[in-house]
Amino acid sequence: MKAYAKNIRISPKKLRVVAEVIRGQNAIEALQFLKFAPKKGADILYKVLHSAVKNAENNDNQNSADLYIDTLIINKGIVYKRGNPVSRGRMHPILKRTSNIRLELQVK
């Protein structure tokens, strides 16, 4: 009853704001919250949580109403390094950060 998403193109700091709200909640209630939350991270976490619920139903024959979020870990992924050219041949760095999501569900 796990789901992973790696190298998602959003910074971990922005994703953790949404993750704090749903951590420890019932899976169905968390899906309802994420569906209408006005953040980019909410859409990403919705897909991962939906995948974990479907994994539990299909692989482990669990009822989705009995599931809750046991572990939700947001780690930093790889960083794409880009640059913005400025005067005198120099460059200002642009760091495009990515996130790794690990979500585990448990039965009540």
PDB file of N, CA and C in Angstrom:
ATOM      1  N   MET A   1       0.836  -1.179   0.000  1.00  0.00           N
ATOM      2  CA  MET A   1       0.000   0.000   0.000  1.00  0.00           C
ATOM      3  C   MET A   1       0.879   1.239   0.000  1.00  0.00           C
ATOM      4  N   LYS A   2       1.742   1.267  -0.997  1.00  0.00           N
ATOM      5  CA  LYS A   2       2.689   2.361  -1.134  1.00  0.00           C
ATOM      6  C   LYS A   2       2.561   2.980  -2.512  1.00  0.00           C
ATOM      7  N   ALA A   3       3.026   4.205  -2.617  1.00  0.00           N
ATOM      8  CA  ALA A   3       3.121   4.875  -3.909  1.00  0.00           C
ATOM      9  C   ALA A   3       4.306   5.828  -3.854  1.00  0.00           C
ATOM     10  N   TYR A   4       5.026   5.891  -4.953  1.00  0.00           N
ATOM     11  CA  TYR A   4       6.188   6.752  -5.057  1.00  0.00           C
ATOM     12  C   TYR A   4       6.045   7.658  -6.272  1.00  0.00           C
ATOM     13  N   ALA A   5       6.645   8.834  -6.171  1.00  0.00           N
ATOM     14  CA  ALA A   5       6.778   9.731  -7.322  1.00  0.00           C
ATOM     15  C   ALA A   5       8.157  10.366  -7.199  1.00  0.00           C
ATOM     16  N   LYS A   6       8.951  10.232  -8.238  1.00  0.00           N
ATOM     17  CA  LYS A   6      10.323  10.717  -8.165  1.00  0.00           C
ATOM     18  C   LYS A   6      10.565  11.805  -9.195  1.00  0.00           C
ATOM     19  N   ASN A   7      11.406  12.750  -8.817  1.00  0.00           N
ATOM     20  CA  ASN A   7      11.837  13.866  -9.663  1.00  0.00           C
ATOM     21  C   ASN A   7      10.653  14.647 -10.218  1.00  0.00           C
ATOM     22  N   ILE A   8       9.723  14.980  -9.336  1.00  0.00           N
ATOM     23  CA  ILE A   8       8.574  15.812  -9.693  1.00  0.00           C
ATOM     24  C   ILE A   8       9.029  17.265  -9.712  1.00  0.00           C
ATOM     25  N   ARG A   9       8.659  17.998 -10.720  1.00  0.00           N
ATOM     26  CA  ARG A   9       9.176  19.343 -10.958  1.00  0.00           C
ATOM     27  C   ARG A   9       8.461  20.406 -10.124  1.00  0.00           C
ATOM     28  N   ILE A  10       8.655  20.301  -8.792  1.00  0.00           N
ATOM     29  CA  ILE A  10       8.193  21.309  -7.837  1.00  0.00           C
ATOM     30  C   ILE A  10       9.160  21.241  -6.665  1.00  0.00           C
ATOM     31  N   SER A  11       9.424  22.359  -6.039  1.00  0.00           N
ATOM     32  CA  SER A  11      10.388  22.348  -4.949  1.00  0.00           C
ATOM     33  C   SER A  11       9.789  21.659  -3.722  1.00  0.00           C
ATOM     34  N   PRO A  12      10.604  20.969  -2.941  1.00  0.00           N
ATOM     35  CA  PRO A  12      10.102  20.275  -1.757  1.00  0.00           C
ATOM     36  C   PRO A  12       9.466  21.219  -0.744  1.00  0.00           C
ATOM     37  N   LYS A  13       9.970  22.439  -0.670  1.00  0.00           N
ATOM     38  CA  LYS A  13       9.429  23.412   0.284  1.00  0.00           C
ATOM     39  C   LYS A  13       7.966  23.722  -0.016  1.00  0.00           C
ATOM     40  N   LYS A  14       7.625  23.862  -1.291  1.00  0.00           N
ATOM     41  CA  LYS A  14       6.248  24.152  -1.682  1.00  0.00           C
ATOM     42  C   LYS A  14       5.349  22.933  -1.498  1.00  0.00           C
ATOM     43  N   LEU A  15       5.909  21.748  -1.684  1.00  0.00           N
ATOM     44  CA  LEU A  15       5.128  20.526  -1.568  1.00  0.00           C
ATOM     45  C   LEU A  15       4.841  20.170  -0.110  1.00  0.00           C
ATOM     46  N   ARG A  16       5.775  20.488   0.779  1.00  0.00           N
ATOM     47  CA  ARG A  16       5.596  20.167   2.201  1.00  0.00           C
ATOM     48  C   ARG A  16       4.470  20.974   2.848  1.00  0.00           C
ATOM     49  N   VAL A  17       4.160  22.140   2.302  1.00  0.00           N
ATOM     50  CA  VAL A  17       3.059  22.952   2.834  1.00  0.00           C
ATOM     51  C   VAL A  17       1.747  22.181   2.738  1.00  0.00           C
ATOM     52  N   VAL A  18       1.513  21.536   1.620  1.00  0.00           N
ATOM     53  CA  VAL A  18       0.286  20.767   1.423  1.00  0.00           C
ATOM     54  C   VAL A  18       0.363  19.435   2.162  1.00  0.00           C
ATOM     55  N   ALA A  19       1.549  18.840   2.209  1.00  0.00           N
ATOM     56  CA  ALA A  19       1.717  17.529   2.853  1.00  0.00           C
ATOM     57  C   ALA A  19       1.436  17.594   4.350  1.00  0.00           C
ATOM     58  N   GLU A  20       1.769  18.714   4.986  1.00  0.00           N
ATOM     59  CA  GLU A  20       1.519  18.851   6.426  1.00  0.00           C
ATOM     60  C   GLU A  20       0.030  18.785   6.752  1.00  0.00           C
ATOM     61  N   VAL A  21      -0.802  19.263   5.844  1.00  0.00           N
ATOM     62  CA  VAL A  21      -2.244  19.312   6.097  1.00  0.00           C
ATOM     63  C   VAL A  21      -2.851  17.913   6.077  1.00  0.00           C
ATOM     64  N   ILE A  22      -2.409  17.057   5.148  1.00  0.00           N
ATOM     65  CA  ILE A  22      -3.073  15.762   4.980  1.00  0.00           C
ATOM     66  C   ILE A  22      -2.384  14.627   5.730  1.00  0.00           C
ATOM     67  N   ARG A  23      -1.231  14.872   6.309  1.00  0.00           N
ATOM     68  CA  ARG A  23      -0.501  13.804   6.999  1.00  0.00           C
ATOM     69  C   ARG A  23      -1.320  13.265   8.173  1.00  0.00           C
ATOM     70  N   GLY A  24      -1.546  11.937   8.180  1.00  0.00           N
ATOM     71  CA  GLY A  24      -2.287  11.295   9.262  1.00  0.00           C
ATOM     72  C   GLY A  24      -3.792  11.257   9.058  1.00  0.00           C
ATOM     73  N   GLN A  25      -4.302  11.826   7.980  1.00  0.00           N
ATOM     74  CA  GLN A  25      -5.746  11.865   7.743  1.00  0.00           C
ATOM     75  C   GLN A  25      -6.244  10.578   7.109  1.00  0.00           C
ATOM     76  N   ASN A  26      -7.561  10.440   7.123  1.00  0.00           N
ATOM     77  CA  ASN A  26      -8.214   9.369   6.384  1.00  0.00           C
ATOM     78  C   ASN A  26      -7.957   9.605   4.892  1.00  0.00           C
ATOM     79  N   ALA A  27      -7.761   8.522   4.140  1.00  0.00           N
ATOM     80  CA  ALA A  27      -7.382   8.651   2.732  1.00  0.00           C
ATOM     81  C   ALA A  27      -8.475   9.311   1.903  1.00  0.00           C
ATOM     82  N   ILE A  28      -9.728   8.961   2.159  1.00  0.00           N
ATOM     83  CA  ILE A  28     -10.825   9.534   1.367  1.00  0.00           C
ATOM     84  C   ILE A  28     -10.993  11.015   1.666  1.00  0.00           C
ATOM     85  N   GLU A  29     -10.888  11.401   2.940  1.00  0.00           N
ATOM     86  CA  GLU A  29     -10.992  12.824   3.300  1.00  0.00           C
ATOM     87  C   GLU A  29      -9.839  13.621   2.699  1.00  0.00           C
ATOM     88  N   ALA A  30      -8.645  13.031   2.694  1.00  0.00           N
ATOM     89  CA  ALA A  30      -7.485  13.715   2.124  1.00  0.00           C
ATOM     90  C   ALA A  30      -7.652  13.907   0.620  1.00  0.00           C
ATOM     91  N   LEU A  31      -8.223  12.907  -0.055  1.00  0.00           N
ATOM     92  CA  LEU A  31      -8.478  13.055  -1.500  1.00  0.00           C
ATOM     93  C   LEU A  31      -9.458  14.185  -1.774  1.00  0.00           C
ATOM     94  N   GLN A  32     -10.496  14.285  -0.953  1.00  0.00           N
ATOM     95  CA  GLN A  32     -11.467  15.366  -1.121  1.00  0.00           C
ATOM     96  C   GLN A  32     -10.824  16.733  -0.893  1.00  0.00           C
ATOM     97  N   PHE A  33      -9.942  16.826   0.110  1.00  0.00           N
ATOM     98  CA  PHE A  33      -9.257  18.091   0.368  1.00  0.00           C
ATOM     99  C   PHE A  33      -8.349  18.467  -0.797  1.00  0.00           C
ATOM    100  N   LEU A  34      -7.562  17.488  -1.280  1.00  0.00           N
ATOM    101  CA  LEU A  34      -6.591  17.770  -2.336  1.00  0.00           C
ATOM    102  C   LEU A  34      -7.254  18.119  -3.669  1.00  0.00           C
ATOM    103  N   LYS A  35      -8.450  17.602  -3.875  1.00  0.00           N
ATOM    104  CA  LYS A  35      -9.148  17.855  -5.130  1.00  0.00           C
ATOM    105  C   LYS A  35      -9.467  19.341  -5.316  1.00  0.00           C
ATOM    106  N   PHE A  36      -9.733  20.041  -4.205  1.00  0.00           N
ATOM    107  CA  PHE A  36     -10.157  21.438  -4.295  1.00  0.00           C
ATOM    108  C   PHE A  36      -9.146  22.423  -3.719  1.00  0.00           C
ATOM    109  N   ALA A  37      -7.988  21.960  -3.285  1.00  0.00           N
ATOM    110  CA  ALA A  37      -6.969  22.862  -2.732  1.00  0.00           C
ATOM    111  C   ALA A  37      -6.315  23.659  -3.871  1.00  0.00           C
ATOM    112  N   PRO A  38      -6.140  24.969  -3.699  1.00  0.00           N
ATOM    113  CA  PRO A  38      -5.637  25.807  -4.791  1.00  0.00           C
ATOM    114  C   PRO A  38      -4.115  25.876  -4.866  1.00  0.00           C
ATOM    115  N   LYS A  39      -3.445  24.739  -4.848  1.00  0.00           N
ATOM    116  CA  LYS A  39      -1.984  24.699  -4.926  1.00  0.00           C
ATOM    117  C   LYS A  39      -1.563  23.691  -5.983  1.00  0.00           C
ATOM    118  N   LYS A  40      -0.431  23.921  -6.614  1.00  0.00           N
ATOM    119  CA  LYS A  40       0.088  22.981  -7.593  1.00  0.00           C
ATOM    120  C   LYS A  40       0.461  21.665  -6.915  1.00  0.00           C
ATOM    121  N   GLY A  41       0.988  21.752  -5.701  1.00  0.00           N
ATOM    122  CA  GLY A  41       1.368  20.557  -4.961  1.00  0.00           C
ATOM    123  C   GLY A  41       0.189  19.674  -4.615  1.00  0.00           C
ATOM    124  N   ALA A  42      -0.990  20.253  -4.492  1.00  0.00           N
ATOM    125  CA  ALA A  42      -2.184  19.473  -4.172  1.00  0.00           C
ATOM    126  C   ALA A  42      -2.543  18.542  -5.326  1.00  0.00           C
ATOM    127  N   ASP A  43      -2.396  19.006  -6.553  1.00  0.00           N
ATOM    128  CA  ASP A  43      -2.680  18.159  -7.718  1.00  0.00           C
ATOM    129  C   ASP A  43      -1.716  16.979  -7.784  1.00  0.00           C
ATOM    130  N   ILE A  44      -0.460  17.239  -7.496  1.00  0.00           N
ATOM    131  CA  ILE A  44       0.554  16.185  -7.540  1.00  0.00           C
ATOM    132  C   ILE A  44       0.305  15.158  -6.438  1.00  0.00           C
ATOM    133  N   LEU A  45       0.044  15.634  -5.214  1.00  0.00           N
ATOM    134  CA  LEU A  45      -0.212  14.715  -4.104  1.00  0.00           C
ATOM    135  C   LEU A  45      -1.518  13.950  -4.304  1.00  0.00           C
ATOM    136  N   TYR A  46      -2.492  14.559  -4.979  1.00  0.00           N
ATOM    137  CA  TYR A  46      -3.744  13.858  -5.270  1.00  0.00           C
ATOM    138  C   TYR A  46      -3.470  12.625  -6.134  1.00  0.00           C
ATOM    139  N   LYS A  47      -2.643  12.784  -7.157  1.00  0.00           N
ATOM    140  CA  LYS A  47      -2.336  11.665  -8.049  1.00  0.00           C
ATOM    141  C   LYS A  47      -1.603  10.546  -7.313  1.00  0.00           C
ATOM    142  N   VAL A  48      -0.667  10.913  -6.429  1.00  0.00           N
ATOM    143  CA  VAL A  48       0.096   9.907  -5.698  1.00  0.00           C
ATOM    144  C   VAL A  48      -0.805   9.184  -4.700  1.00  0.00           C
ATOM    145  N   LEU A  49      -1.641   9.924  -3.977  1.00  0.00           N
ATOM    146  CA  LEU A  49      -2.544   9.320  -3.001  1.00  0.00           C
ATOM    147  C   LEU A  49      -3.588   8.448  -3.696  1.00  0.00           C
ATOM    148  N   HIS A  50      -4.109   8.910  -4.812  1.00  0.00           N
ATOM    149  CA  HIS A  50      -5.084   8.124  -5.570  1.00  0.00           C
ATOM    150  C   HIS A  50      -4.459   6.809  -6.042  1.00  0.00           C
ATOM    151  N   SER A  51      -3.206   6.866  -6.472  1.00  0.00           N
ATOM    152  CA  SER A  51      -2.491   5.666  -6.889  1.00  0.00           C
ATOM    153  C   SER A  51      -2.304   4.699  -5.725  1.00  0.00           C
ATOM    154  N   ALA A  52      -1.972   5.222  -4.536  1.00  0.00           N
ATOM    155  CA  ALA A  52      -1.774   4.372  -3.365  1.00  0.00           C
ATOM    156  C   ALA A  52      -3.083   3.698  -2.950  1.00  0.00           C
ATOM    157  N   VAL A  53      -4.205   4.432  -3.020  1.00  0.00           N
ATOM    158  CA  VAL A  53      -5.513   3.860  -2.667  1.00  0.00           C
ATOM    159  C   VAL A  53      -5.882   2.751  -3.651  1.00  0.00           C
ATOM    160  N   LYS A  54      -5.664   2.999  -4.930  1.00  0.00           N
ATOM    161  CA  LYS A  54      -5.975   1.978  -5.929  1.00  0.00           C
ATOM    162  C   LYS A  54      -5.050   0.763  -5.799  1.00  0.00           C
ATOM    163  N   ASN A  55      -3.798   0.981  -5.421  1.00  0.00           N
ATOM    164  CA  ASN A  55      -2.888  -0.142  -5.165  1.00  0.00           C
ATOM    165  C   ASN A  55      -3.393  -0.991  -4.013  1.00  0.00           C
ATOM    166  N   ALA A  56      -3.889  -0.345  -2.964  1.00  0.00           N
ATOM    167  CA  ALA A  56      -4.400  -1.077  -1.805  1.00  0.00           C
ATOM    168  C   ALA A  56      -5.653  -1.870  -2.153  1.00  0.00           C
ATOM    169  N   GLU A  57      -6.523  -1.278  -2.960  1.00  0.00           N
ATOM    170  CA  GLU A  57      -7.755  -1.972  -3.346  1.00  0.00           C
ATOM    171  C   GLU A  57      -7.458  -3.148  -4.276  1.00  0.00           C
ATOM    172  N   ASN A  58      -6.584  -2.940  -5.242  1.00  0.00           N
ATOM    173  CA  ASN A  58      -6.334  -3.962  -6.253  1.00  0.00           C
ATOM    174  C   ASN A  58      -5.401  -5.068  -5.750  1.00  0.00           C
ATOM    175  N   ASN A  59      -4.295  -4.690  -5.123  1.00  0.00           N
ATOM    176  CA  ASN A  59      -3.283  -5.668  -4.755  1.00  0.00           C
ATOM    177  C   ASN A  59      -3.549  -6.347  -3.411  1.00  0.00           C
ATOM    178  N   ASP A  60      -4.094  -5.594  -2.433  1.00  0.00           N
ATOM    179  CA  ASP A  60      -4.258  -6.125  -1.081  1.00  0.00           C
ATOM    180  C   ASP A  60      -5.712  -6.344  -0.678  1.00  0.00           C
ATOM    181  N   ASN A  61      -6.651  -6.094  -1.589  1.00  0.00           N
ATOM    182  CA  ASN A  61      -8.088  -6.272  -1.327  1.00  0.00           C
ATOM    183  C   ASN A  61      -8.554  -5.514  -0.082  1.00  0.00           C
ATOM    184  N   GLN A  62      -8.121  -4.266   0.062  1.00  0.00           N
ATOM    185  CA  GLN A  62      -8.504  -3.429   1.191  1.00  0.00           C
ATOM    186  C   GLN A  62      -9.684  -2.541   0.807  1.00  0.00           C
ATOM    187  N   ASN A  63     -10.440  -2.146   1.819  1.00  0.00           N
ATOM    188  CA  ASN A  63     -11.534  -1.198   1.621  1.00  0.00           C
ATOM    189  C   ASN A  63     -10.967   0.213   1.740  1.00  0.00           C
ATOM    190  N   SER A  64     -11.269   1.070   0.798  1.00  0.00           N
ATOM    191  CA  SER A  64     -10.683   2.413   0.796  1.00  0.00           C
ATOM    192  C   SER A  64     -11.152   3.265   1.978  1.00  0.00           C
ATOM    193  N   ALA A  65     -12.307   2.951   2.543  1.00  0.00           N
ATOM    194  CA  ALA A  65     -12.808   3.730   3.685  1.00  0.00           C
ATOM    195  C   ALA A  65     -12.005   3.460   4.952  1.00  0.00           C
ATOM    196  N   ASP A  66     -11.285   2.340   5.003  1.00  0.00           N
ATOM    197  CA  ASP A  66     -10.525   1.976   6.206  1.00  0.00           C
ATOM    198  C   ASP A  66      -9.080   2.438   6.166  1.00  0.00           C
ATOM    199  N   LEU A  67      -8.662   3.074   5.094  1.00  0.00           N
ATOM    200  CA  LEU A  67      -7.264   3.454   4.932  1.00  0.00           C
ATOM    201  C   LEU A  67      -6.999   4.854   5.470  1.00  0.00           C
ATOM    202  N   TYR A  68      -5.807   5.025   6.030  1.00  0.00           N
ATOM    203  CA  TYR A  68      -5.350   6.352   6.440  1.00  0.00           C
ATOM    204  C   TYR A  68      -3.891   6.512   6.053  1.00  0.00           C
ATOM    205  N   ILE A  69      -3.437   7.752   5.992  1.00  0.00           N
ATOM    206  CA  ILE A  69      -2.068   8.048   5.576  1.00  0.00           C
ATOM    207  C   ILE A  69      -1.144   7.824   6.767  1.00  0.00           C
ATOM    208  N   ASP A  70      -0.305   6.811   6.650  1.00  0.00           N
ATOM    209  CA  ASP A  70       0.622   6.486   7.726  1.00  0.00           C
ATOM    210  C   ASP A  70       1.923   7.271   7.584  1.00  0.00           C
ATOM    211  N   THR A  71       2.496   7.254   6.398  1.00  0.00           N
ATOM    212  CA  THR A  71       3.772   7.922   6.159  1.00  0.00           C
ATOM    213  C   THR A  71       3.675   8.754   4.892  1.00  0.00           C
ATOM    214  N   LEU A  72       4.082  10.001   4.993  1.00  0.00           N
ATOM    215  CA  LEU A  72       4.152  10.880   3.828  1.00  0.00           C
ATOM    216  C   LEU A  72       5.455  11.659   3.930  1.00  0.00           C
ATOM    217  N   ILE A  73       6.417  11.275   3.113  1.00  0.00           N
ATOM    218  CA  ILE A  73       7.751  11.869   3.183  1.00  0.00           C
ATOM    219  C   ILE A  73       8.032  12.595   1.875  1.00  0.00           C
ATOM    220  N   ILE A  74       8.459  13.845   1.999  1.00  0.00           N
ATOM    221  CA  ILE A  74       8.842  14.657   0.850  1.00  0.00           C
ATOM    222  C   ILE A  74      10.342  14.916   0.959  1.00  0.00           C
ATOM    223  N   ASN A  75      11.113  14.372   0.025  1.00  0.00           N
ATOM    224  CA  ASN A  75      12.553  14.584  -0.013  1.00  0.00           C
ATOM    225  C   ASN A  75      12.917  15.355  -1.264  1.00  0.00           C
ATOM    226  N   LYS A  76      14.115  15.929  -1.233  1.00  0.00           N
ATOM    227  CA  LYS A  76      14.552  16.648  -2.424  1.00  0.00           C
ATOM    228  C   LYS A  76      15.101  15.675  -3.443  1.00  0.00           C
ATOM    229  N   GLY A  77      14.827  15.964  -4.692  1.00  0.00           N
ATOM    230  CA  GLY A  77      15.324  15.150  -5.782  1.00  0.00           C
ATOM    231  C   GLY A  77      16.524  15.823  -6.425  1.00  0.00           C
ATOM    232  N   ILE A  78      16.752  15.515  -7.691  1.00  0.00           N
ATOM    233  CA  ILE A  78      17.876  16.127  -8.384  1.00  0.00           C
ATOM    234  C   ILE A  78      17.575  17.605  -8.645  1.00  0.00           C
ATOM    235  N   VAL A  79      18.614  18.380  -8.841  1.00  0.00           N
ATOM    236  CA  VAL A  79      18.473  19.806  -9.101  1.00  0.00           C
ATOM    237  C   VAL A  79      18.998  20.093 -10.498  1.00  0.00           C
ATOM    238  N   TYR A  80      18.123  20.635 -11.355  1.00  0.00           N
ATOM    239  CA  TYR A  80      18.540  21.035 -12.691  1.00  0.00           C
ATOM    240  C   TYR A  80      19.208  22.401 -12.583  1.00  0.00           C
ATOM    241  N   LYS A  81      20.410  22.493 -13.098  1.00  0.00           N
ATOM    242  CA  LYS A  81      21.155  23.741 -12.998  1.00  0.00           C
ATOM    243  C   LYS A  81      21.112  24.463 -14.337  1.00  0.00           C
ATOM    244  N   ARG A  82      20.573  25.660 -14.320  1.00  0.00           N
ATOM    245  CA  ARG A  82      20.492  26.497 -15.501  1.00  0.00           C
ATOM    246  C   ARG A  82      21.143  27.833 -15.167  1.00  0.00           C
ATOM    247  N   GLY A  83      21.282  28.701 -16.147  1.00  0.00           N
ATOM    248  CA  GLY A  83      21.914  29.981 -15.895  1.00  0.00           C
ATOM    249  C   GLY A  83      21.245  31.110 -16.632  1.00  0.00           C
ATOM    250  N   ASN A  84      21.352  32.275 -16.060  1.00  0.00           N
ATOM    251  CA  ASN A  84      20.835  33.495 -16.666  1.00  0.00           C
ATOM    252  C   ASN A  84      22.036  34.381 -17.012  1.00  0.00           C
ATOM    253  N   PRO A  85      22.324  34.593 -18.289  1.00  0.00           N
ATOM    254  CA  PRO A  85      23.506  35.373 -18.630  1.00  0.00           C
ATOM    255  C   PRO A  85      23.348  36.845 -18.251  1.00  0.00           C
ATOM    256  N   VAL A  86      24.419  37.406 -17.717  1.00  0.00           N
ATOM    257  CA  VAL A  86      24.445  38.822 -17.330  1.00  0.00           C
ATOM    258  C   VAL A  86      25.698  39.451 -17.937  1.00  0.00           C
ATOM    259  N   SER A  87      25.953  40.672 -17.588  1.00  0.00           N
ATOM    260  CA  SER A  87      27.035  41.420 -18.233  1.00  0.00           C
ATOM    261  C   SER A  87      28.414  40.845 -17.911  1.00  0.00           C
ATOM    262  N   ARG A  88      29.365  41.202 -18.733  1.00  0.00           N
ATOM    263  CA  ARG A  88      30.777  40.826 -18.604  1.00  0.00           C
ATOM    264  C   ARG A  88      31.002  39.318 -18.680  1.00  0.00           C
ATOM    265  N   GLY A  89      30.144  38.631 -19.399  1.00  0.00           N
ATOM    266  CA  GLY A  89      30.341  37.207 -19.609  1.00  0.00           C
ATOM    267  C   GLY A  89      30.044  36.336 -18.406  1.00  0.00           C
ATOM    268  N   ARG A  90      29.372  36.899 -17.431  1.00  0.00           N
ATOM    269  CA  ARG A  90      29.072  36.135 -16.228  1.00  0.00           C
ATOM    270  C   ARG A  90      27.695  35.490 -16.354  1.00  0.00           C
ATOM    271  N   MET A  91      27.360  34.712 -15.306  1.00  0.00           N
ATOM    272  CA  MET A  91      26.072  34.027 -15.313  1.00  0.00           C
ATOM    273  C   MET A  91      25.542  33.931 -13.883  1.00  0.00           C
ATOM    274  N   HIS A  92      24.254  34.200 -13.740  1.00  0.00           N
ATOM    275  CA  HIS A  92      23.591  33.984 -12.454  1.00  0.00           C
ATOM    276  C   HIS A  92      22.932  32.614 -12.481  1.00  0.00           C
ATOM    277  N   PRO A  93      23.154  31.809 -11.448  1.00  0.00           N
ATOM    278  CA  PRO A  93      22.601  30.451 -11.476  1.00  0.00           C
ATOM    279  C   PRO A  93      21.093  30.432 -11.238  1.00  0.00           C
ATOM    280  N   ILE A  94      20.426  29.518 -11.921  1.00  0.00           N
ATOM    281  CA  ILE A  94      19.013  29.233 -11.690  1.00  0.00           C
ATOM    282  C   ILE A  94      18.934  27.761 -11.325  1.00  0.00           C
ATOM    283  N   LEU A  95      18.431  27.456 -10.136  1.00  0.00           N
ATOM    284  CA  LEU A  95      18.325  26.086  -9.664  1.00  0.00           C
ATOM    285  C   LEU A  95      16.874  25.640  -9.758  1.00  0.00           C
ATOM    286  N   LYS A  96      16.619  24.656 -10.603  1.00  0.00           N
ATOM    287  CA  LYS A  96      15.269  24.116 -10.764  1.00  0.00           C
ATOM    288  C   LYS A  96      15.189  22.851  -9.921  1.00  0.00           C
ATOM    289  N   ARG A  97      14.535  22.965  -8.767  1.00  0.00           N
ATOM    290  CA  ARG A  97      14.519  21.874  -7.804  1.00  0.00           C
ATOM    291  C   ARG A  97      13.404  20.879  -8.104  1.00  0.00           C
ATOM    292  N   THR A  98      13.647  19.623  -7.725  1.00  0.00           N
ATOM    293  CA  THR A  98      12.651  18.570  -7.888  1.00  0.00           C
ATOM    294  C   THR A  98      12.425  17.886  -6.549  1.00  0.00           C
ATOM    295  N   SER A  99      11.353  17.097  -6.479  1.00  0.00           N
ATOM    296  CA  SER A  99      10.957  16.443  -5.238  1.00  0.00           C
ATOM    297  C   SER A  99      10.742  14.959  -5.454  1.00  0.00           C
ATOM    298  N   ASN A 100      10.968  14.194  -4.402  1.00  0.00           N
ATOM    299  CA  ASN A 100      10.627  12.782  -4.358  1.00  0.00           C
ATOM    300  C   ASN A 100       9.547  12.598  -3.289  1.00  0.00           C
ATOM    301  N   ILE A 101       8.493  11.880  -3.614  1.00  0.00           N
ATOM    302  CA  ILE A 101       7.365  11.668  -2.698  1.00  0.00           C
ATOM    303  C   ILE A 101       7.282  10.180  -2.377  1.00  0.00           C
ATOM    304  N   ARG A 102       7.148   9.879  -1.083  1.00  0.00           N
ATOM    305  CA  ARG A 102       6.941   8.501  -0.641  1.00  0.00           C
ATOM    306  C   ARG A 102       5.722   8.500   0.267  1.00  0.00           C
ATOM    307  N   LEU A 103       4.688   7.748  -0.115  1.00  0.00           N
ATOM    308  CA  LEU A 103       3.432   7.727   0.618  1.00  0.00           C
ATOM    309  C   LEU A 103       3.071   6.286   0.957  1.00  0.00           C
ATOM    310  N   GLU A 104       2.742   6.042   2.220  1.00  0.00           N
ATOM    311  CA  GLU A 104       2.324   4.711   2.662  1.00  0.00           C
ATOM    312  C   GLU A 104       0.988   4.811   3.364  1.00  0.00           C
ATOM    313  N   LEU A 105       0.123   3.863   3.079  1.00  0.00           N
ATOM    314  CA  LEU A 105      -1.192   3.782   3.713  1.00  0.00           C
ATOM    315  C   LEU A 105      -1.238   2.595   4.671  1.00  0.00           C
ATOM    316  N   GLN A 106      -2.059   2.718   5.709  1.00  0.00           N
ATOM    317  CA  GLN A 106      -2.280   1.628   6.662  1.00  0.00           C
ATOM    318  C   GLN A 106      -3.784   1.486   6.874  1.00  0.00           C
ATOM    319  N   VAL A 107      -4.177   0.330   7.398  1.00  0.00           N
ATOM    320  CA  VAL A 107      -5.577   0.065   7.712  1.00  0.00           C
ATOM    321  C   VAL A 107      -5.812   0.451   9.160  1.00  0.00           C
ATOM    322  N   LYS A 108      -6.984   1.071   9.438  1.00  0.00           N
ATOM    323  CA  LYS A 108      -7.323   1.462  10.812  1.00  0.00           C
ATOM    324  C   LYS A 108      -7.457   0.255  11.699  1.00  0.00           C
TER     325      LYS A 108
END
